[in-house]
């Protein structure tokens, strides 16, 4: 996986490489959960002891506007809890979460094409994620429980 270009979007190359690993999996290992998670980015300098040099972590140009980083993970084989990033997008603090619906459906399709079965999608209940769930016609009111 080290030679894959990790550019924003759904990582088609990752799915291509995963195909070979999935072919060796038992049926029960092919069941997975897709997790949507957001994290804030903080620009900083780091020291690399191997090259004895300083380098600046990549930060999108739009960071100055407070942009968090959205990561999507696929988790398979619930026994090992192994995770693999399958896509990400840089988003703003006021992202319209309904756009996540098409991304989730695209990932679900690509996973199915290589033999994985996404049986669950999980996220926190931030406003963008609530908008995504509403786009799927899933509504959660205060004190309700979704299983």
Protein backbone atom coordinates (compact mmCIF):
# COMPACT_ATOMS: atom_id res chain seq x y z
CA UNK A 1 0.00 0.00 0.00
CA UNK A 2 3.01 2.31 0.34
CA UNK A 3 3.03 3.31 -3.35
CA UNK A 4 -0.63 4.34 -3.49
CA UNK A 5 -1.40 7.99 -4.15
CA UNK A 6 -3.65 9.20 -1.36
CA UNK A 7 -5.50 12.08 -3.02
CA UNK A 8 -8.84 13.32 -1.64
CA UNK A 9 -11.83 11.24 -2.71
CA UNK A 10 -12.65 7.54 -2.74
CA UNK A 11 -9.37 5.66 -3.04
CA UNK A 12 -9.96 3.37 -6.03
CA UNK A 13 -6.38 2.11 -5.91
CA UNK A 14 -6.90 0.89 -2.33
CA UNK A 15 -9.92 -1.14 -3.44
CA UNK A 16 -7.86 -2.60 -6.29
CA UNK A 17 -5.15 -3.73 -3.83
CA UNK A 18 -7.70 -4.97 -1.28
CA UNK A 19 -9.23 -7.26 -3.89
CA UNK A 20 -6.28 -9.66 -3.54
CA UNK A 21 -6.55 -9.74 0.25
CA UNK A 22 -10.33 -10.23 0.13
CA UNK A 23 -9.99 -13.21 -2.22
CA UNK A 24 -8.16 -15.08 0.56
CA UNK A 25 -10.77 -14.22 3.24
CA UNK A 26 -13.42 -16.55 4.58
CA UNK A 27 -17.02 -15.38 4.06
CA UNK A 28 -17.40 -14.24 7.66
CA UNK A 29 -14.25 -12.10 7.37
CA UNK A 30 -15.73 -10.18 4.44
CA UNK A 31 -18.40 -8.55 6.62
CA UNK A 32 -17.37 -5.04 7.57
CA UNK A 33 -18.45 -1.72 9.02
CA UNK A 34 -17.83 1.61 7.34
CA UNK A 35 -16.98 4.35 9.84
CA UNK A 36 -17.22 8.04 9.02
CA UNK A 37 -15.05 10.22 11.24
CA UNK A 38 -13.99 13.87 11.23
CA UNK A 39 -10.86 15.29 12.75
CA UNK A 40 -9.36 18.75 12.89
CA UNK A 41 -6.03 19.46 11.23
CA UNK A 42 -3.29 21.44 12.89
CA UNK A 43 -0.36 22.62 10.79
CA UNK A 44 3.05 22.01 12.36
CA UNK A 45 6.70 21.31 11.73
CA UNK A 46 8.17 17.90 12.57
CA UNK A 47 11.70 16.60 12.88
CA UNK A 48 12.54 13.43 10.92
CA UNK A 49 15.47 11.75 12.68
CA UNK A 50 16.02 9.38 9.73
CA UNK A 51 16.80 12.20 7.34
CA UNK A 52 17.92 14.69 10.03
CA UNK A 53 15.56 17.28 8.58
CA UNK A 54 12.52 19.37 9.40
CA UNK A 55 9.40 19.08 7.30
CA UNK A 56 6.03 20.75 7.36
CA UNK A 57 2.99 18.55 7.54
CA UNK A 58 0.74 18.91 4.54
CA UNK A 59 -2.24 21.08 5.28
CA UNK A 60 -4.82 22.10 2.71
CA UNK A 61 -4.54 25.72 1.59
CA UNK A 62 -8.02 26.35 2.90
CA UNK A 63 -7.01 25.41 6.48
CA UNK A 64 -6.92 29.05 7.50
CA UNK A 65 -10.73 28.89 7.28
CA UNK A 66 -10.86 26.20 9.97
CA UNK A 67 -11.29 23.17 7.71
CA UNK A 68 -11.50 19.77 9.42
CA UNK A 69 -10.41 16.60 7.64
CA UNK A 70 -13.01 13.92 7.00
CA UNK A 71 -11.77 10.33 6.92
CA UNK A 72 -13.73 7.26 5.91
CA UNK A 73 -12.58 3.86 7.15
CA UNK A 74 -13.66 0.34 6.36
CA UNK A 75 -13.36 -2.05 9.26
CA UNK A 76 -13.48 -5.70 8.44
CA UNK A 77 -13.07 -8.91 10.36
CA UNK A 78 -14.67 -7.79 13.61
CA UNK A 79 -12.38 -10.18 15.50
CA UNK A 80 -9.18 -8.30 14.61
CA UNK A 81 -10.75 -4.84 14.22
CA UNK A 82 -8.39 -4.25 11.29
CA UNK A 83 -9.00 -0.86 9.62
CA UNK A 84 -8.21 0.47 6.18
CA UNK A 85 -8.73 4.02 4.93
CA UNK A 86 -10.83 3.88 1.77
CA UNK A 87 -11.33 7.59 1.18
CA UNK A 88 -11.24 11.09 2.58
CA UNK A 89 -12.25 14.64 1.77
CA UNK A 90 -11.27 18.04 3.09
CA UNK A 91 -14.40 19.76 4.32
CA UNK A 92 -15.37 23.05 5.88
CA UNK A 93 -16.88 23.64 9.30
CA UNK A 94 -20.27 24.06 7.63
CA UNK A 95 -20.25 21.13 5.21
CA UNK A 96 -23.61 20.02 3.85
CA UNK A 97 -23.60 16.43 5.08
CA UNK A 98 -26.04 15.30 2.41
CA UNK A 99 -23.03 15.00 0.07
CA UNK A 100 -21.79 12.11 2.21
CA UNK A 101 -24.72 9.96 1.05
CA UNK A 102 -23.34 9.56 -2.48
CA UNK A 103 -19.83 8.95 -1.11
CA UNK A 104 -21.12 6.20 1.20
CA UNK A 105 -23.08 4.58 -1.66
CA UNK A 106 -20.00 4.73 -3.91
CA UNK A 107 -17.83 3.06 -1.25
CA UNK A 108 -20.52 0.43 -0.62
CA UNK A 109 -20.60 -0.37 -4.35
CA UNK A 110 -16.80 -0.60 -4.64
CA UNK A 111 -16.64 -2.81 -1.53
CA UNK A 112 -19.31 -5.11 -2.97
CA UNK A 113 -17.43 -5.38 -6.28
CA UNK A 114 -14.37 -6.82 -4.50
CA UNK A 115 -16.41 -9.16 -2.29
CA UNK A 116 -16.79 -7.15 0.93
CA UNK A 117 -20.21 -6.76 2.57
CA UNK A 118 -20.75 -3.52 4.49
CA UNK A 119 -23.37 -4.43 7.04
CA UNK A 120 -23.22 -1.19 9.03
CA UNK A 121 -22.23 2.46 8.69
CA UNK A 122 -21.31 4.36 11.84
CA UNK A 123 -20.65 8.00 12.66
CA UNK A 124 -20.92 10.43 15.52
CA UNK A 125 -23.96 12.68 15.57
CA UNK A 126 -22.35 15.93 14.43
CA UNK A 127 -24.56 18.19 12.34
CA UNK A 128 -23.07 17.13 8.98
CA UNK A 129 -23.54 13.46 9.85
CA UNK A 130 -27.13 14.06 10.97
CA UNK A 131 -27.76 15.67 7.56
CA UNK A 132 -26.29 12.56 5.90
CA UNK A 133 -28.57 10.27 7.90
CA UNK A 134 -31.59 12.43 7.00
CA UNK A 135 -30.59 12.04 3.32
CA UNK A 136 -30.87 8.28 3.90
CA UNK A 137 -34.29 8.91 5.58
CA UNK A 138 -32.90 7.89 8.98
CA UNK A 139 -33.99 10.29 11.69
CA UNK A 140 -32.98 10.21 15.34
CA UNK A 141 -34.76 12.47 17.78
CA UNK A 142 -33.59 13.13 21.35
CA UNK A 143 -33.73 9.98 23.47
CA UNK A 144 -34.40 7.68 20.52
CA UNK A 145 -32.29 4.63 19.87
CA UNK A 146 -31.14 3.43 16.45
CA UNK A 147 -29.95 -0.15 16.18
